[in-house]
């Protein structure tokens, strides 16, 4: 699906640097650069990059808030799991 898009052109239309796209997508700069040059990367990473670019193209940078909110919620869920595990370990001690 994602192979039909020119990721570099799309990123440039969104006025994003590689660093900014990396921050928004959670993908590293090397993976984004490889995707833009048509190198083989995982389909999941390619779709994640494309998803962020298409969302920004449609909604503008206000979508940045949605992306960060989603990432923050995911981080909170992970922290809750860690807290739960640590509480269990402490009770065993």
PDB file of N, CA and C in Angstrom:
ATOM      1  N   UNK A   1       0.819  -1.187   0.000  1.00  0.00           N
ATOM      2  CA  UNK A   1       0.000   0.000   0.000  1.00  0.00           C
ATOM      3  C   UNK A   1       0.865   1.253   0.000  1.00  0.00           C
ATOM      4  N   UNK A   2       1.858   1.319   0.891  1.00  0.00           N
ATOM      5  CA  UNK A   2       2.655   2.528   1.078  1.00  0.00           C
ATOM      6  C   UNK A   2       3.657   2.757  -0.038  1.00  0.00           C
ATOM      7  N   UNK A   3       3.936   1.747  -0.836  1.00  0.00           N
ATOM      8  CA  UNK A   3       4.956   1.886  -1.865  1.00  0.00           C
ATOM      9  C   UNK A   3       4.534   2.824  -2.977  1.00  0.00           C
ATOM     10  N   UNK A   4       3.271   3.212  -3.037  1.00  0.00           N
ATOM     11  CA  UNK A   4       2.779   4.066  -4.107  1.00  0.00           C
ATOM     12  C   UNK A   4       2.959   5.553  -3.792  1.00  0.00           C
ATOM     13  N   UNK A   5       3.499   5.869  -2.635  1.00  0.00           N
ATOM     14  CA  UNK A   5       3.664   7.260  -2.220  1.00  0.00           C
ATOM     15  C   UNK A   5       5.135   7.644  -2.234  1.00  0.00           C
ATOM     16  N   UNK A   6       5.407   8.858  -2.684  1.00  0.00           N
ATOM     17  CA  UNK A   6       6.759   9.414  -2.609  1.00  0.00           C
ATOM     18  C   UNK A   6       6.864  10.092  -1.239  1.00  0.00           C
ATOM     19  N   UNK A   7       7.437   9.379  -0.292  1.00  0.00           N
ATOM     20  CA  UNK A   7       7.472   9.864   1.088  1.00  0.00           C
ATOM     21  C   UNK A   7       8.257  11.163   1.227  1.00  0.00           C
ATOM     22  N   UNK A   8       9.353  11.297   0.493  1.00  0.00           N
ATOM     23  CA  UNK A   8      10.156  12.521   0.591  1.00  0.00           C
ATOM     24  C   UNK A   8       9.347  13.728   0.124  1.00  0.00           C
ATOM     25  N   UNK A   9       8.686  13.593  -1.028  1.00  0.00           N
ATOM     26  CA  UNK A   9       7.874  14.711  -1.539  1.00  0.00           C
ATOM     27  C   UNK A   9       6.749  15.050  -0.578  1.00  0.00           C
ATOM     28  N   UNK A  10       6.129  14.025  -0.045  1.00  0.00           N
ATOM     29  CA  UNK A  10       5.035  14.237   0.898  1.00  0.00           C
ATOM     30  C   UNK A  10       5.547  14.944   2.160  1.00  0.00           C
ATOM     31  N   UNK A  11       6.709  14.531   2.656  1.00  0.00           N
ATOM     32  CA  UNK A  11       7.296  15.177   3.839  1.00  0.00           C
ATOM     33  C   UNK A  11       7.622  16.645   3.552  1.00  0.00           C
ATOM     34  N   UNK A  12       8.168  16.891   2.370  1.00  0.00           N
ATOM     35  CA  UNK A  12       8.516  18.266   2.000  1.00  0.00           C
ATOM     36  C   UNK A  12       7.273  19.134   1.830  1.00  0.00           C
ATOM     37  N   UNK A  13       6.187  18.561   1.292  1.00  0.00           N
ATOM     38  CA  UNK A  13       4.924  19.309   1.176  1.00  0.00           C
ATOM     39  C   UNK A  13       4.370  19.677   2.547  1.00  0.00           C
ATOM     40  N   UNK A  14       4.663  18.833   3.535  1.00  0.00           N
ATOM     41  CA  UNK A  14       4.208  19.091   4.904  1.00  0.00           C
ATOM     42  C   UNK A  14       5.161  20.028   5.640  1.00  0.00           C
ATOM     43  N   UNK A  15       6.231  20.448   4.952  1.00  0.00           N
ATOM     44  CA  UNK A  15       7.242  21.331   5.544  1.00  0.00           C
ATOM     45  C   UNK A  15       7.858  20.752   6.812  1.00  0.00           C
ATOM     46  N   UNK A  16       8.177  19.466   6.762  1.00  0.00           N
ATOM     47  CA  UNK A  16       8.794  18.806   7.907  1.00  0.00           C
ATOM     48  C   UNK A  16      10.220  18.397   7.577  1.00  0.00           C
ATOM     49  N   UNK A  17      11.102  18.535   8.539  1.00  0.00           N
ATOM     50  CA  UNK A  17      12.457  18.008   8.392  1.00  0.00           C
ATOM     51  C   UNK A  17      12.424  16.526   8.777  1.00  0.00           C
ATOM     52  N   UNK A  18      13.496  15.824   8.479  1.00  0.00           N
ATOM     53  CA  UNK A  18      13.581  14.421   8.897  1.00  0.00           C
ATOM     54  C   UNK A  18      13.469  14.319  10.420  1.00  0.00           C
ATOM     55  N   UNK A  19      14.104  15.252  11.098  1.00  0.00           N
ATOM     56  CA  UNK A  19      14.082  15.255  12.558  1.00  0.00           C
ATOM     57  C   UNK A  19      12.664  15.455  13.100  1.00  0.00           C
ATOM     58  N   UNK A  20      11.934  16.381  12.519  1.00  0.00           N
ATOM     59  CA  UNK A  20      10.557  16.636  12.973  1.00  0.00           C
ATOM     60  C   UNK A  20       9.662  15.430  12.713  1.00  0.00           C
ATOM     61  N   UNK A  21       9.811  14.822  11.538  1.00  0.00           N
ATOM     62  CA  UNK A  21       9.003  13.643  11.227  1.00  0.00           C
ATOM     63  C   UNK A  21       9.370  12.490  12.156  1.00  0.00           C
ATOM     64  N   UNK A  22      10.641  12.380  12.470  1.00  0.00           N
ATOM     65  CA  UNK A  22      11.087  11.349  13.398  1.00  0.00           C
ATOM     66  C   UNK A  22      10.419  11.528  14.761  1.00  0.00           C
ATOM     67  N   UNK A  23      10.395  12.754  15.226  1.00  0.00           N
ATOM     68  CA  UNK A  23       9.783  13.058  16.514  1.00  0.00           C
ATOM     69  C   UNK A  23       8.290  12.738  16.520  1.00  0.00           C
ATOM     70  N   UNK A  24       7.605  13.108  15.455  1.00  0.00           N
ATOM     71  CA  UNK A  24       6.159  12.900  15.387  1.00  0.00           C
ATOM     72  C   UNK A  24       5.774  11.439  15.205  1.00  0.00           C
ATOM     73  N   UNK A  25       6.561  10.711  14.424  1.00  0.00           N
ATOM     74  CA  UNK A  25       6.210   9.332  14.107  1.00  0.00           C
ATOM     75  C   UNK A  25       6.759   8.324  15.097  1.00  0.00           C
ATOM     76  N   UNK A  26       7.811   8.722  15.829  1.00  0.00           N
ATOM     77  CA  UNK A  26       8.453   7.774  16.730  1.00  0.00           C
ATOM     78  C   UNK A  26       9.430   6.858  16.011  1.00  0.00           C
ATOM     79  N   UNK A  27       9.646   7.094  14.725  1.00  0.00           N
ATOM     80  CA  UNK A  27      10.597   6.307  13.933  1.00  0.00           C
ATOM     81  C   UNK A  27      11.927   7.046  13.906  1.00  0.00           C
ATOM     82  N   UNK A  28      13.032   6.292  13.824  1.00  0.00           N
ATOM     83  CA  UNK A  28      14.318   6.987  13.793  1.00  0.00           C
ATOM     84  C   UNK A  28      14.584   7.571  12.409  1.00  0.00           C
ATOM     85  N   UNK A  29      15.474   8.558  12.378  1.00  0.00           N
ATOM     86  CA  UNK A  29      15.778   9.292  11.147  1.00  0.00           C
ATOM     87  C   UNK A  29      16.313   8.365  10.066  1.00  0.00           C
ATOM     88  N   UNK A  30      17.130   7.402  10.449  1.00  0.00           N
ATOM     89  CA  UNK A  30      17.712   6.475   9.467  1.00  0.00           C
ATOM     90  C   UNK A  30      16.616   5.689   8.758  1.00  0.00           C
ATOM     91  N   UNK A  31      15.640   5.211   9.514  1.00  0.00           N
ATOM     92  CA  UNK A  31      14.532   4.452   8.905  1.00  0.00           C
ATOM     93  C   UNK A  31      13.721   5.324   7.948  1.00  0.00           C
ATOM     94  N   UNK A  32      13.486   6.566   8.349  1.00  0.00           N
ATOM     95  CA  UNK A  32      12.724   7.480   7.494  1.00  0.00           C
ATOM     96  C   UNK A  32      13.495   7.753   6.210  1.00  0.00           C
ATOM     97  N   UNK A  33      14.791   8.010   6.355  1.00  0.00           N
ATOM     98  CA  UNK A  33      15.633   8.259   5.180  1.00  0.00           C
ATOM     99  C   UNK A  33      15.636   7.050   4.254  1.00  0.00           C
ATOM    100  N   UNK A  34      15.754   5.857   4.809  1.00  0.00           N
ATOM    101  CA  UNK A  34      15.740   4.639   3.997  1.00  0.00           C
ATOM    102  C   UNK A  34      14.402   4.473   3.285  1.00  0.00           C
ATOM    103  N   UNK A  35      13.326   4.765   3.982  1.00  0.00           N
ATOM    104  CA  UNK A  35      11.992   4.664   3.371  1.00  0.00           C
ATOM    105  C   UNK A  35      11.865   5.641   2.215  1.00  0.00           C
ATOM    106  N   UNK A  36      12.373   6.858   2.409  1.00  0.00           N
ATOM    107  CA  UNK A  36      12.294   7.873   1.357  1.00  0.00           C
ATOM    108  C   UNK A  36      13.120   7.484   0.134  1.00  0.00           C
ATOM    109  N   UNK A  37      14.212   6.761   0.362  1.00  0.00           N
ATOM    110  CA  UNK A  37      15.063   6.356  -0.755  1.00  0.00           C
ATOM    111  C   UNK A  37      14.637   5.016  -1.361  1.00  0.00           C
ATOM    112  N   UNK A  38      13.522   4.484  -0.876  1.00  0.00           N
ATOM    113  CA  UNK A  38      12.990   3.251  -1.434  1.00  0.00           C
ATOM    114  C   UNK A  38      13.658   1.997  -0.919  1.00  0.00           C
ATOM    115  N   UNK A  39      14.460   2.126   0.127  1.00  0.00           N
ATOM    116  CA  UNK A  39      15.113   0.953   0.727  1.00  0.00           C
ATOM    117  C   UNK A  39      14.071   0.150   1.482  1.00  0.00           C
ATOM    118  N   UNK A  40      14.382  -1.090   1.695  1.00  0.00           N
ATOM    119  CA  UNK A  40      13.438  -1.977   2.370  1.00  0.00           C
ATOM    120  C   UNK A  40      13.450  -1.725   3.874  1.00  0.00           C
ATOM    121  N   UNK A  41      12.294  -1.352   4.403  1.00  0.00           N
ATOM    122  CA  UNK A  41      12.084  -1.250   5.849  1.00  0.00           C
ATOM    123  C   UNK A  41      10.789  -2.000   6.136  1.00  0.00           C
ATOM    124  N   UNK A  42      10.504  -2.223   7.395  1.00  0.00           N
ATOM    125  CA  UNK A  42       9.297  -2.977   7.732  1.00  0.00           C
ATOM    126  C   UNK A  42       8.048  -2.221   7.262  1.00  0.00           C
ATOM    127  N   UNK A  43       7.058  -2.981   6.888  1.00  0.00           N
ATOM    128  CA  UNK A  43       5.793  -2.390   6.432  1.00  0.00           C
ATOM    129  C   UNK A  43       5.155  -1.565   7.548  1.00  0.00           C
ATOM    130  N   UNK A  44       5.331  -2.005   8.789  1.00  0.00           N
ATOM    131  CA  UNK A  44       4.759  -1.291   9.921  1.00  0.00           C
ATOM    132  C   UNK A  44       5.362   0.107  10.042  1.00  0.00           C
ATOM    133  N   UNK A  45       6.682   0.204   9.933  1.00  0.00           N
ATOM    134  CA  UNK A  45       7.341   1.516  10.004  1.00  0.00           C
ATOM    135  C   UNK A  45       6.921   2.406   8.847  1.00  0.00           C
ATOM    136  N   UNK A  46       6.892   1.831   7.654  1.00  0.00           N
ATOM    137  CA  UNK A  46       6.509   2.603   6.465  1.00  0.00           C
ATOM    138  C   UNK A  46       5.088   3.140   6.626  1.00  0.00           C
ATOM    139  N   UNK A  47       4.180   2.316   7.112  1.00  0.00           N
ATOM    140  CA  UNK A  47       2.793   2.737   7.289  1.00  0.00           C
ATOM    141  C   UNK A  47       2.660   3.788   8.390  1.00  0.00           C
ATOM    142  N   UNK A  48       3.483   3.670   9.434  1.00  0.00           N
ATOM    143  CA  UNK A  48       3.462   4.649  10.510  1.00  0.00           C
ATOM    144  C   UNK A  48       3.900   6.018   9.993  1.00  0.00           C
ATOM    145  N   UNK A  49       4.984   6.035   9.215  1.00  0.00           N
ATOM    146  CA  UNK A  49       5.494   7.279   8.633  1.00  0.00           C
ATOM    147  C   UNK A  49       4.448   7.883   7.710  1.00  0.00           C
ATOM    148  N   UNK A  50       3.890   7.069   6.841  1.00  0.00           N
ATOM    149  CA  UNK A  50       2.889   7.534   5.886  1.00  0.00           C
ATOM    150  C   UNK A  50       1.651   8.056   6.596  1.00  0.00           C
ATOM    151  N   UNK A  51       1.236   7.366   7.632  1.00  0.00           N
ATOM    152  CA  UNK A  51       0.057   7.784   8.390  1.00  0.00           C
ATOM    153  C   UNK A  51       0.234   9.184   8.969  1.00  0.00           C
ATOM    154  N   UNK A  52       1.397   9.439   9.563  1.00  0.00           N
ATOM    155  CA  UNK A  52       1.668  10.766  10.135  1.00  0.00           C
ATOM    156  C   UNK A  52       1.671  11.816   9.035  1.00  0.00           C
ATOM    157  N   UNK A  53       2.333  11.524   7.925  1.00  0.00           N
ATOM    158  CA  UNK A  53       2.415  12.498   6.825  1.00  0.00           C
ATOM    159  C   UNK A  53       1.041  12.814   6.243  1.00  0.00           C
ATOM    160  N   UNK A  54       0.240  11.791   6.023  1.00  0.00           N
ATOM    161  CA  UNK A  54      -1.093  12.019   5.449  1.00  0.00           C
ATOM    162  C   UNK A  54      -1.984  12.783   6.419  1.00  0.00           C
ATOM    163  N   UNK A  55      -1.865  12.475   7.702  1.00  0.00           N
ATOM    164  CA  UNK A  55      -2.667  13.183   8.697  1.00  0.00           C
ATOM    165  C   UNK A  55      -2.278  14.660   8.734  1.00  0.00           C
ATOM    166  N   UNK A  56      -0.989  14.949   8.701  1.00  0.00           N
ATOM    167  CA  UNK A  56      -0.534  16.342   8.722  1.00  0.00           C
ATOM    168  C   UNK A  56      -0.941  17.048   7.439  1.00  0.00           C
ATOM    169  N   UNK A  57      -0.861  16.345   6.318  1.00  0.00           N
ATOM    170  CA  UNK A  57      -1.250  16.958   5.045  1.00  0.00           C
ATOM    171  C   UNK A  57      -2.728  17.335   5.053  1.00  0.00           C
ATOM    172  N   UNK A  58      -3.563  16.481   5.618  1.00  0.00           N
ATOM    173  CA  UNK A  58      -5.002  16.741   5.644  1.00  0.00           C
ATOM    174  C   UNK A  58      -5.404  17.752   6.718  1.00  0.00           C
ATOM    175  N   UNK A  59      -4.808  17.635   7.899  1.00  0.00           N
ATOM    176  CA  UNK A  59      -5.267  18.425   9.034  1.00  0.00           C
ATOM    177  C   UNK A  59      -4.308  19.540   9.437  1.00  0.00           C
ATOM    178  N   UNK A  60      -3.132  19.581   8.831  1.00  0.00           N
ATOM    179  CA  UNK A  60      -2.136  20.564   9.229  1.00  0.00           C
ATOM    180  C   UNK A  60      -1.430  20.129  10.496  1.00  0.00           C
ATOM    181  N   UNK A  61      -0.599  20.991  11.006  1.00  0.00           N
ATOM    182  CA  UNK A  61       0.188  20.637  12.187  1.00  0.00           C
ATOM    183  C   UNK A  61      -0.636  20.548  13.456  1.00  0.00           C
ATOM    184  N   UNK A  62      -1.920  20.917  13.396  1.00  0.00           N
ATOM    185  CA  UNK A  62      -2.751  20.737  14.584  1.00  0.00           C
ATOM    186  C   UNK A  62      -2.888  19.259  14.907  1.00  0.00           C
ATOM    187  N   UNK A  63      -2.674  18.407  13.904  1.00  0.00           N
ATOM    188  CA  UNK A  63      -2.732  16.967  14.153  1.00  0.00           C
ATOM    189  C   UNK A  63      -1.589  16.525  15.044  1.00  0.00           C
ATOM    190  N   UNK A  64      -0.552  17.376  15.166  1.00  0.00           N
ATOM    191  CA  UNK A  64       0.583  17.069  16.030  1.00  0.00           C
ATOM    192  C   UNK A  64       0.103  16.811  17.452  1.00  0.00           C
ATOM    193  N   UNK A  65      -0.879  17.563  17.878  1.00  0.00           N
ATOM    194  CA  UNK A  65      -1.424  17.402  19.224  1.00  0.00           C
ATOM    195  C   UNK A  65      -2.028  16.012  19.374  1.00  0.00           C
ATOM    196  N   UNK A  66      -2.751  15.550  18.370  1.00  0.00           N
ATOM    197  CA  UNK A  66      -3.358  14.221  18.425  1.00  0.00           C
ATOM    198  C   UNK A  66      -2.293  13.140  18.513  1.00  0.00           C
ATOM    199  N   UNK A  67      -1.227  13.308  17.735  1.00  0.00           N
ATOM    200  CA  UNK A  67      -0.150  12.317  17.723  1.00  0.00           C
ATOM    201  C   UNK A  67       0.505  12.250  19.094  1.00  0.00           C
ATOM    202  N   UNK A  68       0.836  13.408  19.658  1.00  0.00           N
ATOM    203  CA  UNK A  68       1.484  13.432  20.960  1.00  0.00           C
ATOM    204  C   UNK A  68       0.560  12.914  22.045  1.00  0.00           C
ATOM    205  N   UNK A  69      -0.735  13.207  21.931  1.00  0.00           N
ATOM    206  CA  UNK A  69      -1.692  12.715  22.929  1.00  0.00           C
ATOM    207  C   UNK A  69      -1.727  11.195  22.905  1.00  0.00           C
ATOM    208  N   UNK A  70      -1.772  10.614  21.716  1.00  0.00           N
ATOM    209  CA  UNK A  70      -1.787   9.159  21.575  1.00  0.00           C
ATOM    210  C   UNK A  70      -0.534   8.552  22.188  1.00  0.00           C
ATOM    211  N   UNK A  71       0.616   9.155  21.882  1.00  0.00           N
ATOM    212  CA  UNK A  71       1.878   8.639  22.422  1.00  0.00           C
ATOM    213  C   UNK A  71       1.920   8.777  23.938  1.00  0.00           C
ATOM    214  N   UNK A  72       1.381   9.858  24.475  1.00  0.00           N
ATOM    215  CA  UNK A  72       1.363  10.056  25.919  1.00  0.00           C
ATOM    216  C   UNK A  72       0.476   9.012  26.593  1.00  0.00           C
ATOM    217  N   UNK A  73      -0.678   8.726  25.995  1.00  0.00           N
ATOM    218  CA  UNK A  73      -1.571   7.710  26.556  1.00  0.00           C
ATOM    219  C   UNK A  73      -0.918   6.332  26.548  1.00  0.00           C
ATOM    220  N   UNK A  74      -0.199   6.020  25.481  1.00  0.00           N
ATOM    221  CA  UNK A  74       0.511   4.745  25.412  1.00  0.00           C
ATOM    222  C   UNK A  74       1.577   4.663  26.498  1.00  0.00           C
ATOM    223  N   UNK A  75       2.288   5.762  26.712  1.00  0.00           N
ATOM    224  CA  UNK A  75       3.316   5.796  27.747  1.00  0.00           C
ATOM    225  C   UNK A  75       2.695   5.619  29.131  1.00  0.00           C
ATOM    226  N   UNK A  76       1.547   6.253  29.359  1.00  0.00           N
ATOM    227  CA  UNK A  76       0.867   6.121  30.651  1.00  0.00           C
ATOM    228  C   UNK A  76       0.449   4.672  30.896  1.00  0.00           C
ATOM    229  N   UNK A  77      -0.025   3.993  29.859  1.00  0.00           N
ATOM    230  CA  UNK A  77      -0.417   2.592  30.001  1.00  0.00           C
ATOM    231  C   UNK A  77       0.784   1.726  30.367  1.00  0.00           C
ATOM    232  N   UNK A  78       1.920   1.978  29.726  1.00  0.00           N
ATOM    233  CA  UNK A  78       3.131   1.217  30.033  1.00  0.00           C
ATOM    234  C   UNK A  78       3.585   1.473  31.467  1.00  0.00           C
ATOM    235  N   UNK A  79       3.528   2.737  31.903  1.00  0.00           N
ATOM    236  CA  UNK A  79       3.914   3.063  33.275  1.00  0.00           C
ATOM    237  C   UNK A  79       2.998   2.391  34.285  1.00  0.00           C
ATOM    238  N   UNK A  80       1.718   2.321  33.991  1.00  0.00           N
ATOM    239  CA  UNK A  80       0.770   1.663  34.893  1.00  0.00           C
ATOM    240  C   UNK A  80       1.103   0.174  35.019  1.00  0.00           C
ATOM    241  N   UNK A  81       1.478  -0.453  33.911  1.00  0.00           N
ATOM    242  CA  UNK A  81       1.858  -1.869  33.947  1.00  0.00           C
ATOM    243  C   UNK A  81       3.126  -2.077  34.773  1.00  0.00           C
ATOM    244  N   UNK A  82       4.091  -1.184  34.606  1.00  0.00           N
ATOM    245  CA  UNK A  82       5.344  -1.279  35.369  1.00  0.00           C
ATOM    246  C   UNK A  82       5.074  -1.085  36.853  1.00  0.00           C
ATOM    247  N   UNK A  83       4.231  -0.102  37.172  1.00  0.00           N
ATOM    248  CA  UNK A  83       3.894   0.166  38.573  1.00  0.00           C
ATOM    249  C   UNK A  83       3.223  -1.051  39.200  1.00  0.00           C
ATOM    250  N   UNK A  84       2.313  -1.643  38.445  1.00  0.00           N
ATOM    251  CA  UNK A  84       1.602  -2.827  38.938  1.00  0.00           C
ATOM    252  C   UNK A  84       2.578  -3.974  39.191  1.00  0.00           C
ATOM    253  N   UNK A  85       3.511  -4.183  38.269  1.00  0.00           N
ATOM    254  CA  UNK A  85       4.493  -5.249  38.418  1.00  0.00           C
ATOM    255  C   UNK A  85       5.398  -5.001  39.620  1.00  0.00           C
ATOM    256  N   UNK A  86       5.835  -3.755  39.786  1.00  0.00           N
ATOM    257  CA  UNK A  86       6.721  -3.429  40.911  1.00  0.00           C
ATOM    258  C   UNK A  86       5.998  -3.584  42.243  1.00  0.00           C
ATOM    259  N   UNK A  87       4.733  -3.211  42.285  1.00  0.00           N
ATOM    260  CA  UNK A  87       3.947  -3.373  43.505  1.00  0.00           C
ATOM    261  C   UNK A  87       3.850  -4.849  43.871  1.00  0.00           C
ATOM    262  N   UNK A  88       3.644  -5.690  42.892  1.00  0.00           N
ATOM    263  CA  UNK A  88       3.595  -7.131  43.116  1.00  0.00           C
ATOM    264  C   UNK A  88       4.912  -7.682  43.621  1.00  0.00           C
ATOM    265  N   UNK A  89       6.005  -7.213  43.065  1.00  0.00           N
ATOM    266  CA  UNK A  89       7.314  -7.676  43.499  1.00  0.00           C
ATOM    267  C   UNK A  89       7.600  -7.232  44.938  1.00  0.00           C
ATOM    268  N   UNK A  90       7.244  -6.014  45.271  1.00  0.00           N
ATOM    269  CA  UNK A  90       7.477  -5.502  46.616  1.00  0.00           C
ATOM    270  C   UNK A  90       6.683  -6.301  47.641  1.00  0.00           C
ATOM    271  N   UNK A  91       5.461  -6.663  47.307  1.00  0.00           N
ATOM    272  CA  UNK A  91       4.629  -7.459  48.217  1.00  0.00           C
ATOM    273  C   UNK A  91       5.241  -8.818  48.466  1.00  0.00           C
ATOM    274  N   UNK A  92       5.915  -9.374  47.446  1.00  0.00           N
ATOM    275  CA  UNK A  92       6.547 -10.693  47.603  1.00  0.00           C
ATOM    276  C   UNK A  92       7.782 -10.615  48.492  1.00  0.00           C
ATOM    277  N   UNK A  93       8.402  -9.454  48.508  1.00  0.00           N
ATOM    278  CA  UNK A  93       9.619  -9.282  49.329  1.00  0.00           C
ATOM    279  C   UNK A  93       9.184  -9.093  50.744  1.00  0.00           C
TER     280      UNK A  93
END
